[in-house]
Amino acid sequence: MAESEKSLHDKIVKWKSGLKAKGLKMNTGKMKVMFSCSMKDKVEEKGKWPCGVCEKGVCNNSILCHGCKKLVHKRCSGVKGSLRNASQLFICRCCKVDKPVTDGLNTDLHLDIDNGVSLEKVDKFCYLGDMLDVDGGCDSSITARVRSVWKKFREFLPILTGKGFSLKLKGKVV
C-alpha cells in the first residue's frame, strides 16, 4: 500500500532488495496494481457526500463517476431508467468535458525497478479468496462468495435429490 507512485516504487525496490538478500526472487510479471478511491477526503463538514455536478449533498439515489470518483445525483447524471444498468463505466458530464472518456483502469503503470517494468492496473483483485475492488465496497466480495456457495451446492445436488442415498448420508452432506 502506498500513497503515491514514488512511494510505491520505493517500497517495491526495498521489498525486492530484502528478498534478494534472503536468496529469493520477486516475479514482477505477476504483480498488479489497484488504485482504490478513498472517499474520506470527499466528505463535506455537514456529513454529506457532495455531488460531482451540482455540489449538493447526495444520498441513496446516486451513481459513482469513474472519472472524478464522486457521487452524482440521478437527476444530474442524465441516466434514464435504473442506475444499476449504467453503473459499470459511468462518466459524469463534468468529466466528459474535461477529460476523454477513458476510465484509465486497464492501462499500465511504468516503474523503473530493473528494466522499466510495467505493472498492470486492475479494477478487481482476488486476495486470499476475497474480492477487492476499486470502489472499496463489498459488492464484488459478496457476489464472489454467493457464487462460490451456489457452486458447492450444485456439486452436492445429485446426492441431495437422489433416491438411492439414505437420509443419514444426506444429513451429513448438509
N, C-alpha and C. Protein backbone atom coordinates (compact mmCIF):
# COMPACT_ATOMS: atom_id res chain seq x y z
N MET A 1 0.85 -1.17 0.00
CA MET A 1 0.00 0.00 0.00
C MET A 1 0.89 1.23 0.00
N ALA A 2 0.51 2.19 -0.83
CA ALA A 2 1.30 3.41 -0.93
C ALA A 2 0.39 4.58 -1.27
N GLU A 3 0.81 5.76 -0.92
CA GLU A 3 0.03 6.97 -1.18
C GLU A 3 0.31 7.56 -2.56
N SER A 4 1.47 7.26 -3.14
CA SER A 4 1.83 7.83 -4.44
C SER A 4 2.63 6.81 -5.24
N GLU A 5 2.85 7.11 -6.52
CA GLU A 5 3.62 6.21 -7.38
C GLU A 5 5.09 6.15 -6.92
N LYS A 6 5.63 7.27 -6.47
CA LYS A 6 7.01 7.28 -5.98
C LYS A 6 7.15 6.43 -4.73
N SER A 7 6.20 6.55 -3.83
CA SER A 7 6.23 5.74 -2.61
C SER A 7 6.09 4.25 -2.94
N LEU A 8 5.24 3.93 -3.92
CA LEU A 8 5.08 2.54 -4.35
C LEU A 8 6.38 2.02 -4.95
N HIS A 9 7.02 2.83 -5.77
CA HIS A 9 8.30 2.44 -6.37
C HIS A 9 9.34 2.16 -5.28
N ASP A 10 9.44 3.06 -4.29
CA ASP A 10 10.41 2.88 -3.21
C ASP A 10 10.14 1.61 -2.42
N LYS A 11 8.88 1.33 -2.14
CA LYS A 11 8.54 0.13 -1.38
C LYS A 11 8.86 -1.15 -2.17
N ILE A 12 8.59 -1.14 -3.47
CA ILE A 12 8.87 -2.32 -4.28
C ILE A 12 10.37 -2.57 -4.36
N VAL A 13 11.16 -1.50 -4.53
CA VAL A 13 12.62 -1.65 -4.59
C VAL A 13 13.15 -2.18 -3.25
N LYS A 14 12.66 -1.65 -2.15
CA LYS A 14 13.09 -2.10 -0.82
C LYS A 14 12.70 -3.56 -0.60
N TRP A 15 11.49 -3.91 -1.00
CA TRP A 15 11.00 -5.28 -0.85
C TRP A 15 11.84 -6.24 -1.69
N LYS A 16 12.13 -5.83 -2.92
CA LYS A 16 12.92 -6.68 -3.81
C LYS A 16 14.34 -6.89 -3.28
N SER A 17 14.97 -5.84 -2.77
CA SER A 17 16.32 -5.99 -2.22
C SER A 17 16.31 -6.84 -0.96
N GLY A 18 15.28 -6.74 -0.14
CA GLY A 18 15.16 -7.59 1.05
C GLY A 18 15.00 -9.05 0.69
N LEU A 19 14.20 -9.33 -0.36
CA LEU A 19 14.04 -10.71 -0.81
C LEU A 19 15.34 -11.25 -1.40
N LYS A 20 16.05 -10.39 -2.15
CA LYS A 20 17.31 -10.81 -2.78
C LYS A 20 18.36 -11.14 -1.72
N ALA A 21 18.36 -10.40 -0.61
CA ALA A 21 19.30 -10.67 0.48
C ALA A 21 19.06 -12.04 1.11
N LYS A 22 17.82 -12.51 1.07
CA LYS A 22 17.47 -13.82 1.62
C LYS A 22 17.59 -14.94 0.58
N GLY A 23 17.97 -14.58 -0.66
CA GLY A 23 18.11 -15.58 -1.71
C GLY A 23 16.83 -15.88 -2.46
N LEU A 24 15.85 -15.00 -2.37
CA LEU A 24 14.56 -15.19 -3.05
C LEU A 24 14.45 -14.22 -4.22
N LYS A 25 13.55 -14.55 -5.15
CA LYS A 25 13.31 -13.68 -6.30
C LYS A 25 11.86 -13.20 -6.28
N MET A 26 11.65 -12.01 -6.81
CA MET A 26 10.31 -11.47 -6.92
C MET A 26 9.89 -11.51 -8.39
N ASN A 27 8.72 -12.10 -8.65
CA ASN A 27 8.21 -12.19 -10.01
C ASN A 27 7.39 -10.94 -10.32
N THR A 28 7.99 -9.95 -10.95
CA THR A 28 7.27 -8.71 -11.26
C THR A 28 6.28 -8.89 -12.40
N GLY A 29 6.37 -9.99 -13.14
CA GLY A 29 5.43 -10.25 -14.22
C GLY A 29 4.03 -10.57 -13.72
N LYS A 30 3.93 -11.05 -12.48
CA LYS A 30 2.63 -11.40 -11.92
C LYS A 30 2.06 -10.29 -11.03
N MET A 31 2.82 -9.22 -10.82
CA MET A 31 2.36 -8.14 -9.94
C MET A 31 1.31 -7.29 -10.64
N LYS A 32 0.32 -6.86 -9.87
CA LYS A 32 -0.74 -6.00 -10.37
C LYS A 32 -0.90 -4.82 -9.42
N VAL A 33 -1.43 -3.72 -9.93
CA VAL A 33 -1.63 -2.51 -9.14
C VAL A 33 -3.11 -2.16 -9.18
N MET A 34 -3.65 -1.77 -8.02
CA MET A 34 -5.03 -1.32 -7.96
C MET A 34 -5.07 -0.02 -7.18
N PHE A 35 -5.61 1.01 -7.82
CA PHE A 35 -5.79 2.29 -7.16
C PHE A 35 -7.17 2.32 -6.56
N SER A 36 -7.24 2.44 -5.26
CA SER A 36 -8.53 2.46 -4.57
C SER A 36 -8.93 3.90 -4.31
N CYS A 37 -10.20 4.20 -4.53
CA CYS A 37 -10.65 5.57 -4.28
C CYS A 37 -11.01 5.68 -2.81
N SER A 38 -10.41 6.61 -2.14
CA SER A 38 -10.71 6.87 -0.73
C SER A 38 -11.69 8.03 -0.67
N MET A 39 -12.89 7.76 -0.22
CA MET A 39 -13.92 8.78 -0.23
C MET A 39 -13.93 9.58 1.07
N LYS A 40 -13.00 9.30 1.99
CA LYS A 40 -12.97 10.02 3.26
C LYS A 40 -12.72 11.51 3.05
N ASP A 41 -11.83 11.85 2.11
CA ASP A 41 -11.49 13.24 1.90
C ASP A 41 -12.54 14.00 1.11
N LYS A 42 -13.56 13.32 0.60
CA LYS A 42 -14.58 13.99 -0.19
C LYS A 42 -15.83 14.32 0.64
N VAL A 43 -15.79 14.08 1.93
CA VAL A 43 -16.94 14.34 2.79
C VAL A 43 -16.94 15.82 3.18
N GLU A 44 -18.11 16.44 3.05
CA GLU A 44 -18.23 17.82 3.49
C GLU A 44 -18.32 17.87 5.00
N GLU A 45 -18.21 19.05 5.56
CA GLU A 45 -18.30 19.21 7.01
C GLU A 45 -19.69 18.84 7.52
N LYS A 46 -20.71 18.97 6.70
CA LYS A 46 -22.07 18.66 7.11
C LYS A 46 -22.33 17.16 7.19
N GLY A 47 -21.39 16.34 6.73
CA GLY A 47 -21.57 14.90 6.78
C GLY A 47 -22.22 14.35 5.53
N LYS A 48 -22.37 15.15 4.48
CA LYS A 48 -23.00 14.70 3.24
C LYS A 48 -21.92 14.52 2.18
N TRP A 49 -22.19 13.65 1.22
CA TRP A 49 -21.30 13.48 0.07
C TRP A 49 -21.66 14.54 -0.96
N PRO A 50 -20.71 15.34 -1.44
CA PRO A 50 -21.05 16.35 -2.44
C PRO A 50 -21.24 15.72 -3.82
N CYS A 51 -22.25 16.18 -4.54
CA CYS A 51 -22.49 15.73 -5.91
C CYS A 51 -21.37 16.27 -6.79
N GLY A 52 -20.91 15.47 -7.74
CA GLY A 52 -19.84 15.89 -8.63
C GLY A 52 -20.24 16.97 -9.60
N VAL A 53 -21.55 17.17 -9.79
CA VAL A 53 -22.03 18.16 -10.76
C VAL A 53 -22.55 19.41 -10.06
N CYS A 54 -23.52 19.25 -9.12
CA CYS A 54 -24.15 20.42 -8.50
C CYS A 54 -23.59 20.76 -7.12
N GLU A 55 -22.68 19.92 -6.57
CA GLU A 55 -22.02 20.13 -5.28
C GLU A 55 -22.97 20.09 -4.08
N LYS A 56 -24.23 19.67 -4.26
CA LYS A 56 -25.13 19.50 -3.12
C LYS A 56 -24.99 18.08 -2.61
N GLY A 57 -25.41 17.83 -1.38
CA GLY A 57 -25.27 16.51 -0.79
C GLY A 57 -26.12 15.45 -1.49
N VAL A 58 -25.54 14.28 -1.66
CA VAL A 58 -26.27 13.16 -2.28
C VAL A 58 -26.57 12.11 -1.23
N CYS A 59 -27.61 11.33 -1.49
CA CYS A 59 -28.00 10.26 -0.57
C CYS A 59 -28.05 8.94 -1.33
N ASN A 60 -29.18 8.27 -1.27
CA ASN A 60 -29.29 6.93 -1.82
C ASN A 60 -29.32 6.89 -3.34
N ASN A 61 -30.07 7.76 -3.98
CA ASN A 61 -30.29 7.70 -5.42
C ASN A 61 -29.16 8.42 -6.16
N SER A 62 -27.97 7.79 -6.18
CA SER A 62 -26.82 8.40 -6.82
C SER A 62 -25.97 7.33 -7.48
N ILE A 63 -25.02 7.77 -8.32
CA ILE A 63 -24.15 6.87 -9.07
C ILE A 63 -22.72 7.39 -8.97
N LEU A 64 -21.74 6.49 -8.97
CA LEU A 64 -20.34 6.87 -8.85
C LEU A 64 -19.74 7.14 -10.22
N CYS A 65 -19.13 8.30 -10.38
CA CYS A 65 -18.43 8.64 -11.63
C CYS A 65 -17.04 8.02 -11.58
N HIS A 66 -16.67 7.28 -12.63
CA HIS A 66 -15.36 6.65 -12.67
C HIS A 66 -14.26 7.61 -13.12
N GLY A 67 -14.63 8.81 -13.52
CA GLY A 67 -13.63 9.80 -13.90
C GLY A 67 -13.11 10.57 -12.71
N CYS A 68 -14.01 11.22 -11.96
CA CYS A 68 -13.60 12.03 -10.81
C CYS A 68 -13.81 11.32 -9.48
N LYS A 69 -14.38 10.13 -9.51
CA LYS A 69 -14.64 9.32 -8.31
C LYS A 69 -15.55 10.02 -7.32
N LYS A 70 -16.52 10.80 -7.83
CA LYS A 70 -17.50 11.45 -6.97
C LYS A 70 -18.88 10.87 -7.24
N LEU A 71 -19.74 10.93 -6.22
CA LEU A 71 -21.12 10.50 -6.40
C LEU A 71 -21.90 11.61 -7.10
N VAL A 72 -22.84 11.22 -7.96
CA VAL A 72 -23.63 12.17 -8.74
C VAL A 72 -25.11 11.81 -8.59
N HIS A 73 -25.96 12.84 -8.36
CA HIS A 73 -27.41 12.61 -8.29
C HIS A 73 -27.91 11.96 -9.58
N LYS A 74 -28.99 11.23 -9.49
CA LYS A 74 -29.57 10.66 -10.71
C LYS A 74 -30.04 11.78 -11.62
N ARG A 75 -30.63 12.83 -11.05
CA ARG A 75 -31.13 13.94 -11.87
C ARG A 75 -30.00 14.69 -12.55
N CYS A 76 -28.82 14.71 -11.93
CA CYS A 76 -27.66 15.38 -12.53
C CYS A 76 -26.91 14.49 -13.52
N SER A 77 -27.12 13.18 -13.41
CA SER A 77 -26.36 12.24 -14.24
C SER A 77 -26.89 12.15 -15.67
N GLY A 78 -28.19 12.37 -15.84
CA GLY A 78 -28.79 12.23 -17.17
C GLY A 78 -29.07 10.79 -17.55
N VAL A 79 -28.97 9.87 -16.60
CA VAL A 79 -29.23 8.45 -16.86
C VAL A 79 -30.73 8.22 -16.84
N LYS A 80 -31.22 7.56 -17.88
CA LYS A 80 -32.64 7.21 -17.97
C LYS A 80 -32.81 5.79 -17.45
N GLY A 81 -33.82 5.56 -16.64
CA GLY A 81 -34.08 4.22 -16.12
C GLY A 81 -33.28 3.93 -14.86
N SER A 82 -32.96 2.66 -14.67
CA SER A 82 -32.28 2.21 -13.46
C SER A 82 -30.81 2.61 -13.46
N LEU A 83 -30.31 2.98 -12.29
CA LEU A 83 -28.90 3.33 -12.15
C LEU A 83 -28.01 2.10 -12.16
N ARG A 84 -28.56 0.92 -11.83
CA ARG A 84 -27.76 -0.31 -11.81
C ARG A 84 -27.22 -0.65 -13.20
N ASN A 85 -28.02 -0.41 -14.23
CA ASN A 85 -27.59 -0.74 -15.60
C ASN A 85 -26.48 0.18 -16.08
N ALA A 86 -26.44 1.41 -15.58
CA ALA A 86 -25.47 2.39 -16.06
C ALA A 86 -24.24 2.49 -15.17
N SER A 87 -24.17 1.74 -14.08
CA SER A 87 -23.11 1.94 -13.09
C SER A 87 -21.75 1.38 -13.49
N GLN A 88 -21.65 0.61 -14.56
CA GLN A 88 -20.38 -0.03 -14.91
C GLN A 88 -19.29 0.99 -15.20
N LEU A 89 -19.47 1.84 -16.19
CA LEU A 89 -18.44 2.81 -16.56
C LEU A 89 -19.06 4.20 -16.74
N PHE A 90 -19.76 4.66 -15.73
CA PHE A 90 -20.42 5.95 -15.82
C PHE A 90 -19.40 7.08 -15.69
N ILE A 91 -19.49 8.05 -16.59
CA ILE A 91 -18.65 9.25 -16.55
C ILE A 91 -19.60 10.45 -16.51
N CYS A 92 -19.45 11.32 -15.50
CA CYS A 92 -20.35 12.47 -15.39
C CYS A 92 -20.05 13.49 -16.48
N ARG A 93 -20.97 14.43 -16.67
CA ARG A 93 -20.81 15.39 -17.76
C ARG A 93 -19.66 16.35 -17.53
N CYS A 94 -19.26 16.58 -16.27
CA CYS A 94 -18.10 17.44 -15.99
C CYS A 94 -16.81 16.77 -16.47
N CYS A 95 -16.71 15.46 -16.26
CA CYS A 95 -15.50 14.73 -16.67
C CYS A 95 -15.46 14.55 -18.18
N LYS A 96 -16.63 14.41 -18.82
CA LYS A 96 -16.65 14.25 -20.27
C LYS A 96 -16.13 15.49 -20.97
N VAL A 97 -16.36 16.66 -20.39
CA VAL A 97 -15.89 17.91 -20.98
C VAL A 97 -14.39 18.07 -20.74
N ASP A 98 -13.94 17.77 -19.50
CA ASP A 98 -12.55 17.98 -19.12
C ASP A 98 -11.61 16.92 -19.66
N LYS A 99 -12.04 15.65 -19.65
CA LYS A 99 -11.15 14.54 -19.98
C LYS A 99 -11.77 13.67 -21.05
N PRO A 100 -10.97 12.88 -21.75
CA PRO A 100 -11.56 11.90 -22.67
C PRO A 100 -12.31 10.82 -21.89
N VAL A 101 -13.09 10.03 -22.60
CA VAL A 101 -13.98 9.08 -21.97
C VAL A 101 -13.29 7.77 -21.58
N THR A 102 -12.00 7.74 -21.38
CA THR A 102 -11.33 6.54 -20.91
C THR A 102 -11.31 6.56 -19.39
N ASP A 103 -11.53 5.40 -18.79
CA ASP A 103 -11.57 5.34 -17.34
C ASP A 103 -10.19 5.12 -16.74
N GLY A 104 -9.21 4.70 -17.52
CA GLY A 104 -7.86 4.55 -17.02
C GLY A 104 -7.62 3.31 -16.21
N LEU A 105 -8.58 2.39 -16.15
CA LEU A 105 -8.41 1.21 -15.32
C LEU A 105 -7.55 0.14 -15.99
N ASN A 106 -7.53 0.07 -17.29
CA ASN A 106 -6.82 -1.01 -17.97
C ASN A 106 -5.52 -0.53 -18.62
N THR A 107 -4.92 0.49 -18.08
CA THR A 107 -3.64 0.95 -18.60
C THR A 107 -2.53 0.43 -17.69
N ASP A 108 -1.29 0.60 -18.12
CA ASP A 108 -0.17 0.10 -17.34
C ASP A 108 0.49 1.23 -16.58
N LEU A 109 1.09 0.88 -15.45
CA LEU A 109 1.86 1.81 -14.66
C LEU A 109 3.33 1.46 -14.86
N HIS A 110 4.13 2.40 -15.35
CA HIS A 110 5.53 2.12 -15.65
C HIS A 110 6.41 2.54 -14.47
N LEU A 111 7.14 1.57 -13.91
CA LEU A 111 8.07 1.82 -12.82
C LEU A 111 9.45 1.35 -13.24
N ASP A 112 10.48 2.12 -12.94
CA ASP A 112 11.85 1.72 -13.25
C ASP A 112 12.45 0.97 -12.06
N ILE A 113 12.16 -0.33 -11.98
CA ILE A 113 12.73 -1.16 -10.92
C ILE A 113 14.03 -1.77 -11.44
N ASP A 114 13.92 -2.53 -12.52
CA ASP A 114 15.12 -3.11 -13.15
C ASP A 114 15.19 -2.65 -14.60
N ASN A 115 14.27 -3.13 -15.39
CA ASN A 115 14.28 -2.86 -16.83
C ASN A 115 13.01 -2.14 -17.26
N GLY A 116 12.55 -1.16 -16.51
CA GLY A 116 11.34 -0.45 -16.87
C GLY A 116 10.11 -1.33 -16.80
N VAL A 117 9.94 -2.03 -15.71
CA VAL A 117 8.83 -2.97 -15.54
C VAL A 117 7.52 -2.19 -15.56
N SER A 118 6.54 -2.69 -16.30
CA SER A 118 5.22 -2.07 -16.30
C SER A 118 4.26 -3.00 -15.57
N LEU A 119 3.56 -2.45 -14.58
CA LEU A 119 2.61 -3.20 -13.78
C LEU A 119 1.21 -2.94 -14.31
N GLU A 120 0.41 -3.98 -14.40
CA GLU A 120 -0.95 -3.86 -14.92
C GLU A 120 -1.87 -3.28 -13.86
N LYS A 121 -2.69 -2.28 -14.24
CA LYS A 121 -3.70 -1.74 -13.34
C LYS A 121 -4.96 -2.58 -13.48
N VAL A 122 -5.56 -2.94 -12.36
CA VAL A 122 -6.79 -3.73 -12.37
C VAL A 122 -7.84 -3.03 -11.53
N ASP A 123 -9.12 -3.35 -11.80
CA ASP A 123 -10.19 -2.76 -11.00
C ASP A 123 -10.76 -3.75 -9.99
N LYS A 124 -10.42 -5.03 -10.10
CA LYS A 124 -10.80 -6.06 -9.12
C LYS A 124 -9.60 -6.95 -8.89
N PHE A 125 -9.48 -7.44 -7.65
CA PHE A 125 -8.33 -8.27 -7.31
C PHE A 125 -8.75 -9.29 -6.27
N CYS A 126 -8.39 -10.54 -6.48
CA CYS A 126 -8.70 -11.61 -5.54
C CYS A 126 -7.52 -11.77 -4.59
N TYR A 127 -7.73 -11.52 -3.30
CA TYR A 127 -6.68 -11.65 -2.30
C TYR A 127 -7.15 -12.61 -1.21
N LEU A 128 -6.48 -13.75 -1.10
CA LEU A 128 -6.83 -14.79 -0.14
C LEU A 128 -8.29 -15.19 -0.26
N GLY A 129 -8.79 -15.30 -1.47
CA GLY A 129 -10.16 -15.74 -1.72
C GLY A 129 -11.20 -14.66 -1.59
N ASP A 130 -10.83 -13.47 -1.21
CA ASP A 130 -11.78 -12.37 -1.06
C ASP A 130 -11.54 -11.37 -2.17
N MET A 131 -12.61 -10.87 -2.79
CA MET A 131 -12.50 -9.93 -3.89
C MET A 131 -12.43 -8.50 -3.36
N LEU A 132 -11.42 -7.78 -3.80
CA LEU A 132 -11.28 -6.36 -3.50
C LEU A 132 -11.53 -5.60 -4.78
N ASP A 133 -12.22 -4.45 -4.69
CA ASP A 133 -12.46 -3.67 -5.90
C ASP A 133 -12.11 -2.21 -5.68
N VAL A 134 -12.08 -1.47 -6.77
CA VAL A 134 -11.64 -0.08 -6.77
C VAL A 134 -12.51 0.80 -5.88
N ASP A 135 -13.81 0.55 -5.89
CA ASP A 135 -14.73 1.39 -5.14
C ASP A 135 -14.60 1.21 -3.64
N GLY A 136 -13.95 0.14 -3.20
CA GLY A 136 -13.79 -0.10 -1.78
C GLY A 136 -15.02 -0.70 -1.13
N GLY A 137 -16.03 -1.00 -1.91
CA GLY A 137 -17.25 -1.58 -1.37
C GLY A 137 -17.14 -3.09 -1.22
N CYS A 138 -18.23 -3.68 -0.78
CA CYS A 138 -18.23 -5.12 -0.55
C CYS A 138 -19.06 -5.86 -1.60
N ASP A 139 -19.54 -5.19 -2.64
CA ASP A 139 -20.40 -5.82 -3.64
C ASP A 139 -19.72 -6.98 -4.35
N SER A 140 -18.50 -6.78 -4.83
CA SER A 140 -17.82 -7.85 -5.56
C SER A 140 -17.44 -9.00 -4.63
N SER A 141 -17.14 -8.70 -3.38
CA SER A 141 -16.81 -9.74 -2.41
C SER A 141 -18.03 -10.61 -2.12
N ILE A 142 -19.18 -9.97 -1.92
CA ILE A 142 -20.41 -10.71 -1.65
C ILE A 142 -20.81 -11.55 -2.86
N THR A 143 -20.71 -10.97 -4.06
CA THR A 143 -21.04 -11.71 -5.28
C THR A 143 -20.15 -12.94 -5.43
N ALA A 144 -18.86 -12.81 -5.15
CA ALA A 144 -17.93 -13.94 -5.26
C ALA A 144 -18.27 -15.02 -4.25
N ARG A 145 -18.62 -14.62 -3.04
CA ARG A 145 -18.97 -15.61 -2.00
C ARG A 145 -20.26 -16.34 -2.34
N VAL A 146 -21.26 -15.60 -2.82
CA VAL A 146 -22.54 -16.23 -3.17
C VAL A 146 -22.34 -17.21 -4.33
N ARG A 147 -21.55 -16.82 -5.33
CA ARG A 147 -21.27 -17.73 -6.45
C ARG A 147 -20.56 -18.99 -5.98
N SER A 148 -19.63 -18.83 -5.05
CA SER A 148 -18.90 -19.98 -4.52
C SER A 148 -19.85 -20.95 -3.79
N VAL A 149 -20.76 -20.42 -3.00
CA VAL A 149 -21.71 -21.26 -2.26
C VAL A 149 -22.65 -21.98 -3.22
N TRP A 150 -23.16 -21.27 -4.23
CA TRP A 150 -24.05 -21.92 -5.19
C TRP A 150 -23.31 -23.00 -5.98
N LYS A 151 -22.06 -22.78 -6.29
CA LYS A 151 -21.27 -23.79 -7.00
C LYS A 151 -21.13 -25.04 -6.16
N LYS A 152 -20.85 -24.88 -4.86
CA LYS A 152 -20.71 -26.02 -3.96
C LYS A 152 -22.06 -26.74 -3.79
N PHE A 153 -23.15 -25.97 -3.72
CA PHE A 153 -24.48 -26.57 -3.59
C PHE A 153 -24.81 -27.42 -4.82
N ARG A 154 -24.48 -26.90 -6.02
CA ARG A 154 -24.75 -27.65 -7.24
C ARG A 154 -23.94 -28.94 -7.31
N GLU A 155 -22.76 -28.98 -6.69
CA GLU A 155 -21.96 -30.21 -6.65
C GLU A 155 -22.66 -31.30 -5.84
N PHE A 156 -23.33 -30.92 -4.75
CA PHE A 156 -24.00 -31.89 -3.89
C PHE A 156 -25.45 -32.14 -4.25
N LEU A 157 -25.97 -31.43 -5.24
CA LEU A 157 -27.38 -31.57 -5.61
C LEU A 157 -27.76 -32.99 -6.02
N PRO A 158 -26.94 -33.72 -6.78
CA PRO A 158 -27.33 -35.09 -7.11
C PRO A 158 -27.46 -35.99 -5.88
N ILE A 159 -26.65 -35.76 -4.87
CA ILE A 159 -26.76 -36.56 -3.65
C ILE A 159 -28.01 -36.19 -2.87
N LEU A 160 -28.29 -34.89 -2.79
CA LEU A 160 -29.45 -34.43 -2.01
C LEU A 160 -30.78 -34.81 -2.66
N THR A 161 -30.83 -34.86 -3.98
CA THR A 161 -32.10 -35.17 -4.66
C THR A 161 -32.18 -36.61 -5.12
N GLY A 162 -31.08 -37.35 -5.02
CA GLY A 162 -31.08 -38.75 -5.48
C GLY A 162 -31.87 -39.66 -4.56
N LYS A 163 -32.56 -40.62 -5.15
CA LYS A 163 -33.37 -41.55 -4.36
C LYS A 163 -32.54 -42.70 -3.80
N GLY A 164 -31.37 -42.93 -4.32
CA GLY A 164 -30.55 -44.06 -3.89
C GLY A 164 -29.71 -43.78 -2.65
N PHE A 165 -29.81 -42.60 -2.07
CA PHE A 165 -28.99 -42.25 -0.91
C PHE A 165 -29.84 -42.20 0.35
N SER A 166 -29.27 -42.65 1.46
CA SER A 166 -30.01 -42.67 2.73
C SER A 166 -30.14 -41.26 3.30
N LEU A 167 -31.12 -41.09 4.20
CA LEU A 167 -31.31 -39.80 4.86
C LEU A 167 -30.12 -39.46 5.75
N LYS A 168 -29.47 -40.49 6.30
CA LYS A 168 -28.30 -40.26 7.13
C LYS A 168 -27.18 -39.62 6.33
N LEU A 169 -26.93 -40.14 5.10
CA LEU A 169 -25.90 -39.58 4.24
C LEU A 169 -26.27 -38.15 3.79
N LYS A 170 -27.55 -37.96 3.46
CA LYS A 170 -27.98 -36.61 3.05
C LYS A 170 -27.83 -35.60 4.20
N GLY A 171 -28.05 -36.06 5.41
CA GLY A 171 -27.87 -35.20 6.60
C GLY A 171 -26.42 -34.85 6.82
N LYS A 172 -25.51 -35.77 6.52
CA LYS A 172 -24.08 -35.49 6.69
C LYS A 172 -23.60 -34.50 5.64
N VAL A 173 -24.17 -34.54 4.44
CA VAL A 173 -23.78 -33.62 3.38
C VAL A 173 -24.17 -32.20 3.74
N VAL A 174 -25.35 -32.04 4.29
CA VAL A 174 -25.83 -30.71 4.65
C VAL A 174 -25.11 -30.28 5.88
